Amino acid sequence: MTRSNRRAALRDPICLLGIGGGAGLAPFAPGTAGSALALLPAWALLTAPLWLRAAVVLALFVAGIWICAVSARRLGRHDDPAIVWDEIAGQLATTLVLGANPWWLLPAFVLFRFFDIAKPWPIRDLDHRLGGGLGIMLDDMLAAVYAAVVLCLVQMTIPIS
C-alpha cells in the first residue's frame, strides 16, 4: 500500500474500520496484527453468555461483508493485506468454543492464524472463487471453524479449567 493510500485509509472511517484502526498497516504480518487486536475483546467476552458472544461475531460478520467490500474498493485491491476486519471477526469466532479460562486464547490465536495462512481445502477455493466482501469474510470464518474444531478436540484431551 502506498504512503498516500495509508493516509487516505486512516482518514476514511470505513477504511479505518477495515484496517482494524491501523493494525492492518503493520509492516510485517498485518493479518496477525489484526488477529492479535481481537484478543482483547475476546478476553473481555470470555465470561459473557454464548448467545452474546455469537451475536457479536454475527454482527461483525454481517457488517464486515460491507466494510471489507468498501475498503477493498477504496484501497484498489481485493482483500488487500491491510484489511484485517475479517481476521478480527474470524479470531473472535474461533473463541466461541472457549470456556472462561483465558489460557485458551493463545492456542485459539495460533490455530486460527495457522488455518487462515495455510488455507486448507476448501478455504483456498473460496478465497479464489468468491469476490467482494463476502469472499473476504467467508474464508476467515471457515478458518475459524477449522481452528474451533481442533480447539474442541484439544480441550477434550487436555482439560485446563
N, C-alpha and C. Protein backbone atom coordinates (compact mmCIF):
# COMPACT_ATOMS: atom_id res chain seq x y z
N MET A 1 0.86 -1.17 0.00
CA MET A 1 0.00 0.00 0.00
C MET A 1 0.90 1.23 0.00
N THR A 2 0.57 2.18 -0.85
CA THR A 2 1.38 3.38 -0.94
C THR A 2 1.17 4.26 0.29
N ARG A 3 2.09 5.16 0.47
CA ARG A 3 2.02 6.08 1.61
C ARG A 3 0.75 6.93 1.56
N SER A 4 0.38 7.40 0.36
CA SER A 4 -0.84 8.21 0.24
C SER A 4 -2.08 7.37 0.51
N ASN A 5 -2.06 6.08 0.08
CA ASN A 5 -3.18 5.19 0.39
C ASN A 5 -3.32 4.96 1.89
N ARG A 6 -2.18 4.86 2.58
CA ARG A 6 -2.21 4.68 4.04
C ARG A 6 -2.87 5.88 4.70
N ARG A 7 -2.45 7.07 4.30
CA ARG A 7 -3.04 8.29 4.88
C ARG A 7 -4.53 8.36 4.59
N ALA A 8 -4.90 8.05 3.34
CA ALA A 8 -6.31 8.09 2.96
C ALA A 8 -7.11 7.07 3.77
N ALA A 9 -6.56 5.88 3.95
CA ALA A 9 -7.25 4.84 4.72
C ALA A 9 -7.46 5.26 6.17
N LEU A 10 -6.50 5.94 6.73
CA LEU A 10 -6.62 6.39 8.12
C LEU A 10 -7.63 7.53 8.27
N ARG A 11 -7.89 8.27 7.19
CA ARG A 11 -8.86 9.37 7.24
C ARG A 11 -10.26 8.93 6.86
N ASP A 12 -10.39 7.80 6.20
CA ASP A 12 -11.68 7.29 5.75
C ASP A 12 -12.26 6.39 6.84
N PRO A 13 -13.43 6.76 7.41
CA PRO A 13 -13.98 5.97 8.53
C PRO A 13 -14.22 4.49 8.20
N ILE A 14 -14.68 4.19 6.99
CA ILE A 14 -14.93 2.80 6.62
C ILE A 14 -13.61 2.05 6.48
N CYS A 15 -12.65 2.65 5.79
CA CYS A 15 -11.33 2.00 5.65
C CYS A 15 -10.66 1.86 7.01
N LEU A 16 -10.85 2.84 7.87
CA LEU A 16 -10.25 2.75 9.21
C LEU A 16 -10.78 1.53 9.95
N LEU A 17 -12.07 1.25 9.79
CA LEU A 17 -12.62 0.02 10.37
C LEU A 17 -12.03 -1.20 9.68
N GLY A 18 -11.99 -1.16 8.36
CA GLY A 18 -11.47 -2.28 7.58
C GLY A 18 -10.04 -2.64 7.93
N ILE A 19 -9.23 -1.62 8.21
CA ILE A 19 -7.82 -1.87 8.56
C ILE A 19 -7.62 -2.02 10.06
N GLY A 20 -8.71 -2.24 10.77
CA GLY A 20 -8.61 -2.52 12.21
C GLY A 20 -8.04 -1.37 13.00
N GLY A 21 -8.44 -0.14 12.65
CA GLY A 21 -7.95 1.03 13.39
C GLY A 21 -6.48 1.31 13.15
N GLY A 22 -5.90 0.66 12.18
CA GLY A 22 -4.48 0.84 11.87
C GLY A 22 -3.66 -0.42 12.03
N ALA A 23 -4.24 -1.45 12.66
CA ALA A 23 -3.49 -2.71 12.86
C ALA A 23 -3.08 -3.31 11.53
N GLY A 24 -3.90 -3.13 10.51
CA GLY A 24 -3.60 -3.68 9.20
C GLY A 24 -2.45 -2.98 8.49
N LEU A 25 -1.99 -1.89 9.05
CA LEU A 25 -0.86 -1.17 8.47
C LEU A 25 0.47 -1.64 9.07
N ALA A 26 0.43 -2.66 9.90
CA ALA A 26 1.67 -3.21 10.46
C ALA A 26 2.58 -3.60 9.31
N PRO A 27 3.87 -3.27 9.40
CA PRO A 27 4.77 -3.54 8.28
C PRO A 27 5.02 -5.02 8.04
N PHE A 28 4.78 -5.85 9.03
CA PHE A 28 5.00 -7.29 8.90
C PHE A 28 3.78 -8.01 9.45
N ALA A 29 3.23 -8.94 8.71
CA ALA A 29 2.11 -9.79 9.13
C ALA A 29 0.90 -8.99 9.64
N PRO A 30 0.31 -8.17 8.76
CA PRO A 30 -0.85 -7.38 9.21
C PRO A 30 -2.03 -8.24 9.66
N GLY A 31 -2.22 -9.41 9.04
CA GLY A 31 -3.30 -10.30 9.47
C GLY A 31 -3.10 -10.79 10.89
N THR A 32 -1.86 -11.05 11.24
CA THR A 32 -1.54 -11.47 12.60
C THR A 32 -1.78 -10.32 13.57
N ALA A 33 -1.46 -9.11 13.15
CA ALA A 33 -1.71 -7.93 13.99
C ALA A 33 -3.21 -7.76 14.21
N GLY A 34 -4.01 -7.97 13.17
CA GLY A 34 -5.46 -7.88 13.32
C GLY A 34 -6.01 -8.95 14.24
N SER A 35 -5.50 -10.16 14.10
CA SER A 35 -5.93 -11.25 14.99
C SER A 35 -5.54 -10.97 16.44
N ALA A 36 -4.34 -10.43 16.62
CA ALA A 36 -3.89 -10.09 17.98
C ALA A 36 -4.78 -9.00 18.58
N LEU A 37 -5.18 -8.04 17.75
CA LEU A 37 -6.08 -6.99 18.23
C LEU A 37 -7.38 -7.58 18.74
N ALA A 38 -7.85 -8.64 18.11
CA ALA A 38 -9.11 -9.27 18.51
C ALA A 38 -9.03 -9.98 19.85
N LEU A 39 -7.83 -10.24 20.33
CA LEU A 39 -7.70 -10.97 21.60
C LEU A 39 -8.20 -10.16 22.79
N LEU A 40 -8.11 -8.84 22.73
CA LEU A 40 -8.60 -8.02 23.85
C LEU A 40 -10.12 -8.14 24.00
N PRO A 41 -10.90 -7.90 22.94
CA PRO A 41 -12.35 -8.12 23.13
C PRO A 41 -12.69 -9.59 23.39
N ALA A 42 -11.92 -10.51 22.82
CA ALA A 42 -12.17 -11.94 23.09
C ALA A 42 -12.00 -12.23 24.57
N TRP A 43 -10.96 -11.70 25.15
CA TRP A 43 -10.72 -11.89 26.58
C TRP A 43 -11.84 -11.26 27.41
N ALA A 44 -12.25 -10.05 27.02
CA ALA A 44 -13.31 -9.35 27.75
C ALA A 44 -14.64 -10.10 27.67
N LEU A 45 -14.85 -10.82 26.57
CA LEU A 45 -16.12 -11.52 26.37
C LEU A 45 -16.12 -12.97 26.86
N LEU A 46 -14.99 -13.47 27.36
CA LEU A 46 -14.92 -14.88 27.75
C LEU A 46 -16.00 -15.29 28.75
N THR A 47 -16.35 -14.42 29.66
CA THR A 47 -17.35 -14.78 30.67
C THR A 47 -18.76 -14.38 30.25
N ALA A 48 -18.91 -13.77 29.10
CA ALA A 48 -20.24 -13.39 28.60
C ALA A 48 -20.98 -14.64 28.15
N PRO A 49 -22.30 -14.59 28.16
CA PRO A 49 -23.07 -15.75 27.69
C PRO A 49 -22.75 -16.03 26.21
N LEU A 50 -22.83 -17.29 25.84
CA LEU A 50 -22.52 -17.70 24.47
C LEU A 50 -23.37 -16.96 23.45
N TRP A 51 -24.66 -16.76 23.75
CA TRP A 51 -25.54 -16.08 22.79
C TRP A 51 -25.04 -14.67 22.49
N LEU A 52 -24.51 -13.99 23.51
CA LEU A 52 -24.00 -12.62 23.31
C LEU A 52 -22.72 -12.65 22.47
N ARG A 53 -21.83 -13.58 22.78
CA ARG A 53 -20.59 -13.70 22.01
C ARG A 53 -20.89 -14.05 20.56
N ALA A 54 -21.83 -14.95 20.35
CA ALA A 54 -22.22 -15.33 18.98
C ALA A 54 -22.87 -14.16 18.26
N ALA A 55 -23.66 -13.37 18.97
CA ALA A 55 -24.29 -12.19 18.35
C ALA A 55 -23.24 -11.17 17.93
N VAL A 56 -22.19 -11.01 18.73
CA VAL A 56 -21.10 -10.09 18.37
C VAL A 56 -20.41 -10.58 17.10
N VAL A 57 -20.11 -11.87 17.04
CA VAL A 57 -19.46 -12.43 15.86
C VAL A 57 -20.35 -12.28 14.64
N LEU A 58 -21.63 -12.56 14.78
CA LEU A 58 -22.56 -12.43 13.66
C LEU A 58 -22.62 -10.97 13.18
N ALA A 59 -22.68 -10.04 14.12
CA ALA A 59 -22.71 -8.62 13.74
C ALA A 59 -21.43 -8.21 13.02
N LEU A 60 -20.29 -8.68 13.52
CA LEU A 60 -19.02 -8.37 12.85
C LEU A 60 -18.97 -8.98 11.45
N PHE A 61 -19.50 -10.19 11.31
CA PHE A 61 -19.51 -10.85 10.01
C PHE A 61 -20.38 -10.08 9.01
N VAL A 62 -21.61 -9.80 9.41
CA VAL A 62 -22.54 -9.10 8.51
C VAL A 62 -22.01 -7.72 8.15
N ALA A 63 -21.57 -6.96 9.15
CA ALA A 63 -21.02 -5.63 8.88
C ALA A 63 -19.74 -5.74 8.04
N GLY A 64 -18.98 -6.81 8.30
CA GLY A 64 -17.71 -6.99 7.60
C GLY A 64 -17.86 -7.22 6.11
N ILE A 65 -18.97 -7.82 5.69
CA ILE A 65 -19.19 -8.02 4.26
C ILE A 65 -19.16 -6.66 3.56
N TRP A 66 -19.85 -5.70 4.13
CA TRP A 66 -19.90 -4.35 3.54
C TRP A 66 -18.60 -3.59 3.78
N ILE A 67 -18.11 -3.61 5.01
CA ILE A 67 -16.88 -2.87 5.35
C ILE A 67 -15.70 -3.34 4.50
N CYS A 68 -15.54 -4.65 4.37
CA CYS A 68 -14.41 -5.18 3.59
C CYS A 68 -14.57 -4.90 2.10
N ALA A 69 -15.81 -4.97 1.59
CA ALA A 69 -16.04 -4.67 0.17
C ALA A 69 -15.70 -3.22 -0.12
N VAL A 70 -16.20 -2.32 0.71
CA VAL A 70 -15.94 -0.89 0.50
C VAL A 70 -14.45 -0.59 0.68
N SER A 71 -13.84 -1.16 1.69
CA SER A 71 -12.41 -0.92 1.93
C SER A 71 -11.58 -1.42 0.75
N ALA A 72 -11.88 -2.61 0.25
CA ALA A 72 -11.13 -3.16 -0.88
C ALA A 72 -11.28 -2.26 -2.11
N ARG A 73 -12.50 -1.80 -2.34
CA ARG A 73 -12.74 -0.92 -3.50
C ARG A 73 -11.96 0.39 -3.35
N ARG A 74 -11.99 0.97 -2.17
CA ARG A 74 -11.31 2.24 -1.95
C ARG A 74 -9.79 2.09 -1.93
N LEU A 75 -9.31 0.93 -1.49
CA LEU A 75 -7.86 0.70 -1.49
C LEU A 75 -7.38 0.20 -2.85
N GLY A 76 -8.32 -0.19 -3.71
CA GLY A 76 -7.97 -0.58 -5.06
C GLY A 76 -7.45 -1.99 -5.21
N ARG A 77 -7.75 -2.86 -4.24
CA ARG A 77 -7.24 -4.22 -4.31
C ARG A 77 -8.14 -5.15 -3.51
N HIS A 78 -8.61 -6.23 -4.16
CA HIS A 78 -9.44 -7.21 -3.45
C HIS A 78 -8.62 -7.85 -2.33
N ASP A 79 -9.20 -7.89 -1.17
CA ASP A 79 -8.58 -8.48 0.02
C ASP A 79 -7.15 -7.99 0.24
N ASP A 80 -6.99 -6.68 0.17
CA ASP A 80 -5.70 -6.05 0.47
C ASP A 80 -5.23 -6.54 1.83
N PRO A 81 -3.95 -6.88 1.97
CA PRO A 81 -3.45 -7.37 3.27
C PRO A 81 -3.72 -6.42 4.44
N ALA A 82 -3.90 -5.14 4.14
CA ALA A 82 -4.19 -4.17 5.21
C ALA A 82 -5.59 -4.35 5.78
N ILE A 83 -6.49 -4.96 5.03
CA ILE A 83 -7.86 -5.19 5.52
C ILE A 83 -7.83 -6.35 6.50
N VAL A 84 -8.08 -6.05 7.76
CA VAL A 84 -7.99 -7.08 8.80
C VAL A 84 -9.29 -7.26 9.58
N TRP A 85 -10.35 -6.58 9.16
CA TRP A 85 -11.65 -6.76 9.82
C TRP A 85 -12.03 -8.24 9.82
N ASP A 86 -11.72 -8.92 8.71
CA ASP A 86 -12.03 -10.34 8.59
C ASP A 86 -11.25 -11.18 9.58
N GLU A 87 -9.99 -10.83 9.83
CA GLU A 87 -9.20 -11.56 10.83
C GLU A 87 -9.74 -11.30 12.24
N ILE A 88 -10.17 -10.08 12.50
CA ILE A 88 -10.72 -9.76 13.82
C ILE A 88 -11.98 -10.59 14.06
N ALA A 89 -12.87 -10.61 13.07
CA ALA A 89 -14.11 -11.39 13.20
C ALA A 89 -13.81 -12.89 13.30
N GLY A 90 -12.88 -13.36 12.48
CA GLY A 90 -12.52 -14.78 12.50
C GLY A 90 -11.90 -15.21 13.82
N GLN A 91 -11.03 -14.36 14.34
CA GLN A 91 -10.40 -14.69 15.63
C GLN A 91 -11.46 -14.76 16.73
N LEU A 92 -12.38 -13.81 16.73
CA LEU A 92 -13.45 -13.84 17.73
C LEU A 92 -14.35 -15.07 17.54
N ALA A 93 -14.61 -15.45 16.30
CA ALA A 93 -15.42 -16.64 16.04
C ALA A 93 -14.73 -17.89 16.58
N THR A 94 -13.43 -17.96 16.44
CA THR A 94 -12.67 -19.11 16.96
C THR A 94 -12.87 -19.25 18.46
N THR A 95 -12.95 -18.15 19.17
CA THR A 95 -13.04 -18.19 20.64
C THR A 95 -14.43 -18.55 21.15
N LEU A 96 -15.39 -18.72 20.26
CA LEU A 96 -16.74 -19.09 20.72
C LEU A 96 -16.76 -20.44 21.43
N VAL A 97 -15.81 -21.30 21.13
CA VAL A 97 -15.79 -22.64 21.75
C VAL A 97 -15.03 -22.65 23.08
N LEU A 98 -14.50 -21.52 23.47
CA LEU A 98 -13.71 -21.47 24.70
C LEU A 98 -14.59 -21.27 25.91
N GLY A 99 -14.14 -21.82 27.02
CA GLY A 99 -14.76 -21.52 28.30
C GLY A 99 -14.21 -20.20 28.82
N ALA A 100 -14.30 -20.00 30.10
CA ALA A 100 -13.88 -18.74 30.69
C ALA A 100 -12.38 -18.65 30.97
N ASN A 101 -11.64 -19.73 30.71
CA ASN A 101 -10.21 -19.74 31.01
C ASN A 101 -9.42 -18.99 29.93
N PRO A 102 -8.77 -17.87 30.29
CA PRO A 102 -8.05 -17.07 29.28
C PRO A 102 -6.82 -17.76 28.71
N TRP A 103 -6.34 -18.84 29.34
CA TRP A 103 -5.17 -19.55 28.81
C TRP A 103 -5.44 -20.16 27.44
N TRP A 104 -6.70 -20.41 27.11
CA TRP A 104 -7.04 -20.98 25.82
C TRP A 104 -6.97 -19.96 24.69
N LEU A 105 -6.84 -18.67 25.02
CA LEU A 105 -6.76 -17.65 23.96
C LEU A 105 -5.51 -17.82 23.09
N LEU A 106 -4.40 -18.21 23.69
CA LEU A 106 -3.17 -18.38 22.90
C LEU A 106 -3.30 -19.52 21.89
N PRO A 107 -3.73 -20.72 22.30
CA PRO A 107 -3.91 -21.76 21.29
C PRO A 107 -4.96 -21.37 20.23
N ALA A 108 -6.01 -20.66 20.64
CA ALA A 108 -7.02 -20.21 19.68
C ALA A 108 -6.39 -19.27 18.66
N PHE A 109 -5.53 -18.38 19.12
CA PHE A 109 -4.83 -17.45 18.24
C PHE A 109 -3.93 -18.19 17.26
N VAL A 110 -3.13 -19.11 17.77
CA VAL A 110 -2.18 -19.86 16.93
C VAL A 110 -2.93 -20.71 15.90
N LEU A 111 -3.96 -21.40 16.33
CA LEU A 111 -4.71 -22.25 15.40
C LEU A 111 -5.43 -21.44 14.33
N PHE A 112 -6.04 -20.33 14.73
CA PHE A 112 -6.71 -19.51 13.73
C PHE A 112 -5.71 -18.97 12.71
N ARG A 113 -4.58 -18.48 13.18
CA ARG A 113 -3.57 -17.96 12.24
C ARG A 113 -3.08 -19.07 11.32
N PHE A 114 -2.86 -20.25 11.88
CA PHE A 114 -2.41 -21.38 11.05
C PHE A 114 -3.39 -21.65 9.91
N PHE A 115 -4.67 -21.82 10.24
CA PHE A 115 -5.65 -22.15 9.21
C PHE A 115 -5.91 -20.99 8.27
N ASP A 116 -5.81 -19.75 8.75
CA ASP A 116 -6.01 -18.60 7.89
C ASP A 116 -4.86 -18.46 6.89
N ILE A 117 -3.66 -18.79 7.31
CA ILE A 117 -2.49 -18.69 6.43
C ILE A 117 -2.39 -19.91 5.50
N ALA A 118 -2.56 -21.12 6.07
CA ALA A 118 -2.42 -22.35 5.28
C ALA A 118 -3.56 -22.52 4.27
N LYS A 119 -4.74 -22.05 4.62
CA LYS A 119 -5.92 -22.15 3.77
C LYS A 119 -6.14 -23.54 3.17
N PRO A 120 -6.34 -24.56 4.04
CA PRO A 120 -6.62 -25.90 3.50
C PRO A 120 -7.97 -25.92 2.78
N TRP A 121 -8.17 -26.97 1.97
CA TRP A 121 -9.41 -27.09 1.22
C TRP A 121 -10.59 -27.08 2.17
N PRO A 122 -11.66 -26.42 1.87
CA PRO A 122 -11.99 -25.61 0.71
C PRO A 122 -11.74 -24.12 0.90
N ILE A 123 -10.99 -23.76 1.93
CA ILE A 123 -10.76 -22.33 2.20
C ILE A 123 -10.10 -21.65 1.02
N ARG A 124 -9.06 -22.23 0.47
CA ARG A 124 -8.35 -21.62 -0.65
C ARG A 124 -9.28 -21.44 -1.85
N ASP A 125 -10.12 -22.45 -2.12
CA ASP A 125 -11.07 -22.34 -3.23
C ASP A 125 -12.05 -21.19 -3.02
N LEU A 126 -12.58 -21.10 -1.81
CA LEU A 126 -13.49 -19.99 -1.51
C LEU A 126 -12.78 -18.65 -1.69
N ASP A 127 -11.57 -18.59 -1.20
CA ASP A 127 -10.79 -17.34 -1.28
C ASP A 127 -10.63 -16.89 -2.73
N HIS A 128 -10.44 -17.85 -3.65
CA HIS A 128 -10.21 -17.50 -5.05
C HIS A 128 -11.50 -17.33 -5.85
N ARG A 129 -12.56 -18.03 -5.47
CA ARG A 129 -13.78 -18.02 -6.27
C ARG A 129 -14.76 -16.92 -5.90
N LEU A 130 -14.83 -16.57 -4.63
CA LEU A 130 -15.80 -15.57 -4.21
C LEU A 130 -15.16 -14.18 -4.22
N GLY A 131 -15.86 -13.26 -4.76
CA GLY A 131 -15.34 -11.89 -4.76
C GLY A 131 -16.04 -11.05 -3.71
N GLY A 132 -15.68 -9.81 -3.65
CA GLY A 132 -16.33 -8.85 -2.78
C GLY A 132 -16.13 -9.14 -1.30
N GLY A 133 -16.94 -8.46 -0.52
CA GLY A 133 -16.84 -8.57 0.92
C GLY A 133 -17.16 -9.95 1.46
N LEU A 134 -18.11 -10.65 0.80
CA LEU A 134 -18.46 -11.99 1.26
C LEU A 134 -17.26 -12.92 1.13
N GLY A 135 -16.55 -12.85 0.02
CA GLY A 135 -15.37 -13.68 -0.16
C GLY A 135 -14.28 -13.37 0.85
N ILE A 136 -14.10 -12.08 1.13
CA ILE A 136 -13.08 -11.67 2.10
C ILE A 136 -13.42 -12.22 3.49
N MET A 137 -14.69 -12.16 3.85
CA MET A 137 -15.11 -12.59 5.19
C MET A 137 -15.20 -14.11 5.32
N LEU A 138 -15.69 -14.77 4.27
CA LEU A 138 -16.01 -16.19 4.39
C LEU A 138 -14.79 -17.09 4.59
N ASP A 139 -13.67 -16.77 3.93
CA ASP A 139 -12.50 -17.64 4.11
C ASP A 139 -12.00 -17.59 5.55
N ASP A 140 -12.12 -16.43 6.19
CA ASP A 140 -11.68 -16.34 7.60
C ASP A 140 -12.66 -17.04 8.53
N MET A 141 -13.95 -17.01 8.21
CA MET A 141 -14.92 -17.71 9.03
C MET A 141 -14.71 -19.22 8.93
N LEU A 142 -14.37 -19.70 7.75
CA LEU A 142 -14.09 -21.12 7.60
C LEU A 142 -12.80 -21.51 8.33
N ALA A 143 -11.80 -20.65 8.28
CA ALA A 143 -10.57 -20.89 9.05
C ALA A 143 -10.90 -20.94 10.55
N ALA A 144 -11.84 -20.11 10.98
CA ALA A 144 -12.26 -20.11 12.39
C ALA A 144 -12.93 -21.43 12.75
N VAL A 145 -13.74 -21.97 11.84
CA VAL A 145 -14.40 -23.26 12.09
C VAL A 145 -13.36 -24.36 12.24
N TYR A 146 -12.39 -24.39 11.32
CA TYR A 146 -11.32 -25.40 11.42
C TYR A 146 -10.59 -25.28 12.75
N ALA A 147 -10.23 -24.05 13.11
CA ALA A 147 -9.49 -23.83 14.36
C ALA A 147 -10.34 -24.22 15.56
N ALA A 148 -11.63 -23.91 15.53
CA ALA A 148 -12.52 -24.23 16.64
C ALA A 148 -12.67 -25.74 16.81
N VAL A 149 -12.75 -26.47 15.71
CA VAL A 149 -12.85 -27.94 15.78
C VAL A 149 -11.60 -28.51 16.45
N VAL A 150 -10.43 -28.06 16.02
CA VAL A 150 -9.18 -28.54 16.62
C VAL A 150 -9.13 -28.15 18.09
N LEU A 151 -9.55 -26.92 18.42
CA LEU A 151 -9.57 -26.49 19.82
C LEU A 151 -10.46 -27.39 20.67
N CYS A 152 -11.62 -27.74 20.16
CA CYS A 152 -12.52 -28.63 20.90
C CYS A 152 -11.87 -29.98 21.15
N LEU A 153 -11.20 -30.51 20.14
CA LEU A 153 -10.52 -31.80 20.30
C LEU A 153 -9.39 -31.70 21.33
N VAL A 154 -8.64 -30.61 21.28
CA VAL A 154 -7.55 -30.41 22.24
C VAL A 154 -8.11 -30.22 23.65
N GLN A 155 -9.19 -29.47 23.77
CA GLN A 155 -9.77 -29.25 25.10
C GLN A 155 -10.29 -30.54 25.72
N MET A 156 -10.76 -31.48 24.89
CA MET A 156 -11.20 -32.77 25.42
C MET A 156 -10.01 -33.60 25.88
N THR A 157 -8.87 -33.38 25.25
CA THR A 157 -7.67 -34.15 25.57
C THR A 157 -6.91 -33.54 26.74
N ILE A 158 -6.81 -32.23 26.78
CA ILE A 158 -6.06 -31.51 27.82
C ILE A 158 -7.02 -30.57 28.54
N PRO A 159 -7.76 -31.06 29.49
CA PRO A 159 -8.73 -30.19 30.17
C PRO A 159 -8.03 -29.22 31.14
N ILE A 160 -7.98 -27.98 30.75
CA ILE A 160 -7.46 -26.92 31.64
C ILE A 160 -8.67 -26.15 32.14
N SER A 161 -8.89 -26.18 33.44
CA SER A 161 -10.08 -25.49 33.94
C SER A 161 -9.91 -24.02 34.04
